[in-house]
Amino acid sequence: MKDKIFKILLLSASCLILLLTAGVIYALISQSISAFSEFGFFGFISSGEWDSQNDVYGALPFITGTLMTAVLALLFCIPFSLSVALFNGEYFRGRKIATVVSSVVDLLAGIPSIVFGLWGFYVLRPVLIDMGVNAQGFGVLLASIVLAIMIIAYASSLSTEFISMVPNELKEGAYSLGATNLEVIRSVSLPTAWSGIFASYILALGRALGETMAVTMLIGNTNNIPQSLADTGNTMASLIANQFGEASGLKLSSLMALGLLLFLITAAINFVAKNVMKFVSR
């Protein structure tokens, strides 16, 4: 009887997750129909105009801003997070220094995003100005740097776990053949833990894509397509956060359409990542 009750609870929880996901998708699609009917799906995602005065809306500047900041943040994140993961999971595994670094990483992972936004605006922004960067620009660059710092803790924590899970027998076998630490990491640890490390970066990218408050404070919030890292811009999440409260009619539908596009982009990235992981793990 207990086993049956437990199975029913598990089934109920699984069904609830499916229903919640279906509800989110239904709400996004139903509220986006007006915008897609007015501008067309491809017309909406390819238009660079966002004009509240004339009720003309296009998503291209915000898709561009979202992808630029998230991908750039991931590129900044990879070398630092992988270094921290190897430090904690391989070179200094089980030592006190690794425990201290892991605690700091966990602390960073739990800091609210708005705190990172404040730090970026009041600390990092003046530093960039002192370095000669245009004070009116660098929205994309500044937002990407802060996003990278936010996801470093997330990616390094997950990567450390996967590196630590590499069987000791494999590494000891390599050491017995005369391999150095670097050779063991390059030939044993990283290839074995590769699929998990890749998954951690995809999850970090997903967090960067949906980040709102820190990006809103730093990217500049202009409705133009960024031409360089020194330009200001907007992401889908930051635009929704800025304009959702006052939106109605076609503008509200367009914002919901942006939410749907963000959902689809994140789902597509996760789908590709899962297939890549299956291919790598064969």
Protein backbone atom coordinates (compact mmCIF):
# COMPACT_ATOMS: atom_id res chain seq x y z
CA MET A 1 0.00 0.00 0.00
CA LYS A 2 2.82 2.43 0.88
CA ASP A 3 4.53 1.66 -2.40
CA LYS A 4 1.33 2.34 -4.35
CA ILE A 5 0.78 5.63 -2.52
CA PHE A 6 4.36 6.66 -3.23
CA LYS A 7 3.95 5.85 -6.94
CA ILE A 8 0.72 7.85 -7.07
CA LEU A 9 2.46 10.84 -5.47
CA LEU A 10 5.31 10.64 -7.97
CA LEU A 11 2.88 10.36 -10.89
CA SER A 12 0.85 13.29 -9.58
CA ALA A 13 3.95 15.46 -9.24
CA SER A 14 5.07 14.57 -12.77
CA CYS A 15 1.62 15.32 -14.20
CA LEU A 16 1.54 18.62 -12.32
CA ILE A 17 4.83 19.68 -13.90
CA LEU A 18 3.43 18.82 -17.35
CA LEU A 19 0.24 20.77 -16.65
CA LEU A 20 2.17 23.80 -15.42
CA THR A 21 4.38 23.76 -18.52
CA ALA A 22 1.34 23.38 -20.77
CA GLY A 23 -0.34 26.26 -18.93
CA VAL A 24 2.67 28.53 -19.46
CA ILE A 25 2.82 27.66 -23.17
CA TYR A 26 -0.92 28.19 -23.60
CA ALA A 27 -0.82 31.57 -21.85
CA LEU A 28 2.11 32.78 -23.96
CA ILE A 29 0.62 31.60 -27.25
CA SER A 30 -2.91 32.85 -26.56
CA GLN A 31 -1.66 36.29 -25.52
CA SER A 32 0.74 36.53 -28.48
CA ILE A 33 -1.79 35.80 -31.22
CA SER A 34 -2.73 39.46 -31.71
CA ALA A 35 0.87 40.51 -32.33
CA PHE A 36 1.61 37.65 -34.71
CA SER A 37 -1.67 38.25 -36.55
CA GLU A 38 -0.82 41.93 -36.97
CA PHE A 39 2.82 41.64 -37.99
CA GLY A 40 3.25 37.97 -38.93
CA PHE A 41 5.64 35.67 -37.11
CA PHE A 42 8.64 36.28 -39.38
CA GLY A 43 7.73 39.92 -39.77
CA PHE A 44 7.74 40.33 -36.01
CA ILE A 45 11.09 38.63 -35.40
CA SER A 46 12.80 40.37 -38.35
CA SER A 47 11.58 43.92 -37.73
CA GLY A 48 13.88 46.35 -35.93
CA GLU A 49 11.19 48.92 -35.11
CA TRP A 50 9.59 49.31 -31.68
CA ASP A 51 7.32 52.35 -31.78
CA SER A 52 4.68 52.67 -29.07
CA GLN A 53 3.33 55.86 -30.64
CA ASN A 54 2.32 54.15 -33.89
CA ASP A 55 1.73 50.65 -32.45
CA VAL A 56 4.49 49.10 -34.55
CA TYR A 57 6.59 46.45 -32.86
CA GLY A 58 9.48 44.21 -33.86
CA ALA A 59 11.65 41.84 -31.87
CA LEU A 60 14.96 41.88 -33.74
CA PRO A 61 16.81 44.43 -31.51
CA PHE A 62 15.92 42.50 -28.39
CA ILE A 63 16.72 39.07 -29.82
CA THR A 64 20.10 40.47 -30.87
CA GLY A 65 20.73 42.06 -27.46
CA THR A 66 19.74 38.88 -25.64
CA LEU A 67 21.98 36.61 -27.71
CA MET A 68 24.92 39.05 -27.67
CA THR A 69 24.97 39.47 -23.90
CA ALA A 70 24.32 35.80 -23.10
CA VAL A 71 26.86 34.33 -25.55
CA LEU A 72 29.51 36.91 -24.66
CA ALA A 73 28.94 36.24 -20.96
CA LEU A 74 29.39 32.51 -21.59
CA LEU A 75 32.65 33.14 -23.45
CA PHE A 76 33.92 35.24 -20.54
CA CYS A 77 32.72 32.61 -18.08
CA ILE A 78 34.26 29.44 -19.54
CA PRO A 79 37.99 29.95 -18.79
CA PHE A 80 37.40 31.19 -15.24
CA SER A 81 34.73 28.66 -14.26
CA LEU A 82 36.70 25.74 -15.72
CA SER A 83 39.80 26.88 -13.82
CA VAL A 84 37.83 27.02 -10.55
CA ALA A 85 36.31 23.60 -11.26
CA LEU A 86 39.72 22.03 -11.87
CA PHE A 87 41.13 23.74 -8.78
CA ASN A 88 38.37 22.39 -6.52
CA GLY A 89 37.67 19.07 -8.20
CA GLU A 90 41.14 17.95 -9.22
CA TYR A 91 44.25 19.75 -7.95
CA PHE A 92 43.09 20.62 -4.42
CA ARG A 93 40.22 18.21 -3.98
CA GLY A 94 39.53 17.50 -0.30
CA ARG A 95 41.86 20.21 0.99
CA LYS A 96 40.87 23.14 3.16
CA ILE A 97 41.59 25.72 0.45
CA ALA A 98 39.18 23.95 -1.89
CA THR A 99 36.51 24.03 0.80
CA VAL A 100 37.01 27.78 1.24
CA VAL A 101 36.83 28.42 -2.51
CA SER A 102 33.73 26.23 -2.82
CA SER A 103 32.05 28.18 -0.02
CA VAL A 104 32.80 31.47 -1.74
CA VAL A 105 31.48 30.11 -5.05
CA ASP A 106 28.27 28.94 -3.37
CA LEU A 107 27.93 32.36 -1.76
CA LEU A 108 28.26 34.08 -5.14
CA ALA A 109 25.69 31.73 -6.65
CA GLY A 110 23.17 32.78 -4.01
CA ILE A 111 23.58 36.56 -4.34
CA PRO A 112 20.45 38.22 -5.83
CA SER A 113 20.93 39.52 -9.35
CA ILE A 114 20.00 43.08 -8.39
CA VAL A 115 23.05 43.17 -6.08
CA PHE A 116 25.26 42.30 -9.06
CA GLY A 117 23.53 45.06 -11.00
CA LEU A 118 24.29 47.60 -8.29
CA TRP A 119 27.90 46.44 -8.13
CA GLY A 120 28.25 46.70 -11.88
CA PHE A 121 26.77 50.19 -12.02
CA TYR A 122 28.54 51.75 -9.04
CA VAL A 123 31.86 49.87 -9.10
CA LEU A 124 32.60 48.36 -12.52
CA ARG A 125 31.12 51.22 -14.56
CA PRO A 126 33.44 53.89 -13.03
CA VAL A 127 36.41 51.56 -13.61
CA LEU A 128 35.54 51.29 -17.31
CA ILE A 129 35.14 55.07 -17.49
CA ASP A 130 38.60 55.54 -15.92
CA MET A 131 39.98 53.16 -18.55
CA GLY A 132 38.74 55.52 -21.25
CA VAL A 133 35.60 53.68 -22.34
CA ASN A 134 32.78 55.99 -23.51
CA ALA A 135 30.62 56.81 -20.50
CA GLN A 136 27.51 56.95 -22.66
CA GLY A 137 27.98 53.49 -24.09
CA PHE A 138 29.39 50.07 -23.18
CA GLY A 139 25.93 48.79 -22.19
CA VAL A 140 26.37 45.40 -23.88
CA LEU A 141 29.94 44.99 -22.62
CA LEU A 142 29.09 45.98 -19.06
CA ALA A 143 26.02 43.75 -18.93
CA SER A 144 27.98 40.81 -20.37
CA ILE A 145 30.79 41.13 -17.83
CA VAL A 146 28.38 41.19 -14.90
CA LEU A 147 26.39 38.29 -16.39
CA ALA A 148 29.63 36.32 -16.74
CA ILE A 149 30.47 36.88 -13.07
CA MET A 150 26.96 35.72 -12.13
CA ILE A 151 27.14 32.47 -14.09
CA ILE A 152 30.78 31.67 -13.24
CA ALA A 153 29.69 30.51 -9.79
CA TYR A 154 26.85 28.46 -11.24
CA ALA A 155 28.90 26.78 -13.97
CA SER A 156 31.98 26.14 -11.83
CA SER A 157 29.92 24.58 -9.02
CA LEU A 158 28.27 22.11 -11.40
CA SER A 159 31.50 21.40 -13.30
CA THR A 160 33.33 20.67 -10.04
CA GLU A 161 30.77 18.00 -9.20
CA PHE A 162 31.19 16.28 -12.56
CA ILE A 163 35.00 16.40 -12.40
CA SER A 164 34.91 14.97 -8.86
CA MET A 165 32.79 12.07 -10.11
CA VAL A 166 35.52 10.79 -12.46
CA PRO A 167 36.49 7.32 -11.10
CA ASN A 168 39.79 7.33 -9.22
CA GLU A 169 40.71 4.01 -10.89
CA LEU A 170 41.00 5.74 -14.26
CA LYS A 171 43.25 8.49 -12.91
CA GLU A 172 45.38 6.10 -10.86
CA GLY A 173 45.88 3.95 -13.93
CA ALA A 174 47.14 7.00 -15.84
CA TYR A 175 49.45 8.00 -12.99
CA SER A 176 50.86 4.46 -12.84
CA LEU A 177 51.83 4.82 -16.50
CA GLY A 178 53.82 7.95 -15.68
CA ALA A 179 51.27 10.62 -16.61
CA THR A 180 51.55 14.07 -15.03
CA ASN A 181 48.66 15.98 -13.44
CA LEU A 182 48.17 17.98 -16.62
CA GLU A 183 48.15 14.84 -18.77
CA VAL A 184 45.62 13.14 -16.47
CA ILE A 185 43.33 16.17 -16.62
CA ARG A 186 43.66 16.48 -20.39
CA SER A 187 43.39 12.79 -21.25
CA VAL A 188 41.21 11.35 -18.46
CA SER A 189 39.29 13.83 -16.32
CA LEU A 190 38.05 16.25 -18.97
CA PRO A 191 37.06 13.61 -21.58
CA THR A 192 35.23 11.56 -18.95
CA ALA A 193 33.40 14.53 -17.43
CA TRP A 194 32.91 16.35 -20.75
CA SER A 195 29.17 15.72 -21.15
CA GLY A 196 28.44 16.94 -17.63
CA ILE A 197 30.65 20.02 -18.03
CA PHE A 198 28.92 20.81 -21.32
CA ALA A 199 25.54 20.50 -19.61
CA SER A 200 26.63 22.90 -16.86
CA TYR A 201 27.53 25.54 -19.45
CA ILE A 202 24.21 25.10 -21.23
CA LEU A 203 22.39 25.60 -17.93
CA ALA A 204 24.53 28.68 -17.27
CA LEU A 205 23.67 30.00 -20.75
CA GLY A 206 19.99 29.45 -19.99
CA ARG A 207 20.31 31.53 -16.84
CA ALA A 208 22.09 34.29 -18.76
CA LEU A 209 19.37 34.34 -21.42
CA GLY A 210 16.63 34.91 -18.88
CA GLU A 211 18.44 37.26 -16.51
CA THR A 212 16.44 40.45 -15.97
CA MET A 213 17.32 42.88 -13.18
CA ALA A 214 21.10 43.05 -13.53
CA VAL A 215 20.86 43.45 -17.31
CA THR A 216 18.10 46.05 -17.00
CA MET A 217 20.33 48.19 -14.81
CA LEU A 218 23.40 47.97 -17.06
CA ILE A 219 22.57 47.50 -20.73
CA GLY A 220 21.27 51.01 -21.36
CA ASN A 221 17.66 50.14 -22.29
CA THR A 222 17.62 51.55 -25.82
CA ASN A 223 15.53 49.94 -28.57
CA ASN A 224 18.28 49.74 -31.16
CA ILE A 225 20.27 46.84 -32.55
CA PRO A 226 23.75 46.91 -30.91
CA GLN A 227 26.41 47.33 -33.58
CA SER A 228 29.31 46.77 -31.20
CA LEU A 229 30.08 46.02 -27.57
CA ALA A 230 30.23 49.76 -26.88
CA ASP A 231 26.56 50.22 -27.85
CA THR A 232 23.59 50.28 -25.53
CA GLY A 233 20.66 47.98 -26.20
CA ASN A 234 17.95 45.89 -24.63
CA THR A 235 17.23 42.22 -24.05
CA MET A 236 13.85 40.54 -24.25
CA ALA A 237 13.73 40.09 -20.49
CA SER A 238 14.79 43.67 -19.70
CA LEU A 239 12.26 45.16 -22.14
CA ILE A 240 9.44 43.10 -20.63
CA ALA A 241 10.47 44.18 -17.13
CA ASN A 242 10.58 47.85 -18.12
CA GLN A 243 7.35 48.09 -20.13
CA PHE A 244 5.01 45.30 -19.02
CA GLY A 245 3.41 47.30 -16.19
CA GLU A 246 2.15 50.05 -18.48
CA ALA A 247 1.40 47.95 -21.58
CA SER A 248 -2.00 47.19 -23.02
CA GLY A 249 -3.56 46.09 -26.29
CA LEU A 250 -1.16 45.34 -29.12
CA LYS A 251 1.89 46.36 -27.09
CA LEU A 252 1.01 43.90 -24.33
CA SER A 253 0.55 41.17 -26.93
CA SER A 254 3.95 42.03 -28.43
CA LEU A 255 5.61 41.75 -25.03
CA MET A 256 3.98 38.38 -24.52
CA ALA A 257 5.27 37.38 -27.95
CA LEU A 258 8.77 38.32 -26.79
CA GLY A 259 8.27 36.07 -23.77
CA LEU A 260 7.23 33.25 -26.08
CA LEU A 261 10.31 33.78 -28.26
CA LEU A 262 12.55 33.71 -25.18
CA PHE A 263 10.89 30.46 -24.13
CA LEU A 264 11.42 28.96 -27.61
CA ILE A 265 15.08 30.05 -27.77
CA THR A 266 15.80 28.52 -24.37
CA ALA A 267 13.97 25.31 -25.31
CA ALA A 268 15.87 25.08 -28.60
CA ILE A 269 19.24 25.50 -26.84
CA ASN A 270 18.35 22.79 -24.32
CA PHE A 271 17.20 20.47 -27.12
CA VAL A 272 20.45 20.93 -29.04
CA ALA A 273 22.48 20.48 -25.85
CA LYS A 274 20.78 17.19 -24.99
CA ASN A 275 21.44 15.80 -28.46
CA VAL A 276 25.06 16.93 -28.36
CA MET A 277 25.47 15.26 -24.97
CA LYS A 278 23.99 12.01 -26.30
CA PHE A 279 26.37 12.13 -29.27
CA VAL A 280 29.42 12.86 -27.07
CA SER A 281 28.57 10.15 -24.54
CA ARG A 282 28.41 7.38 -27.17
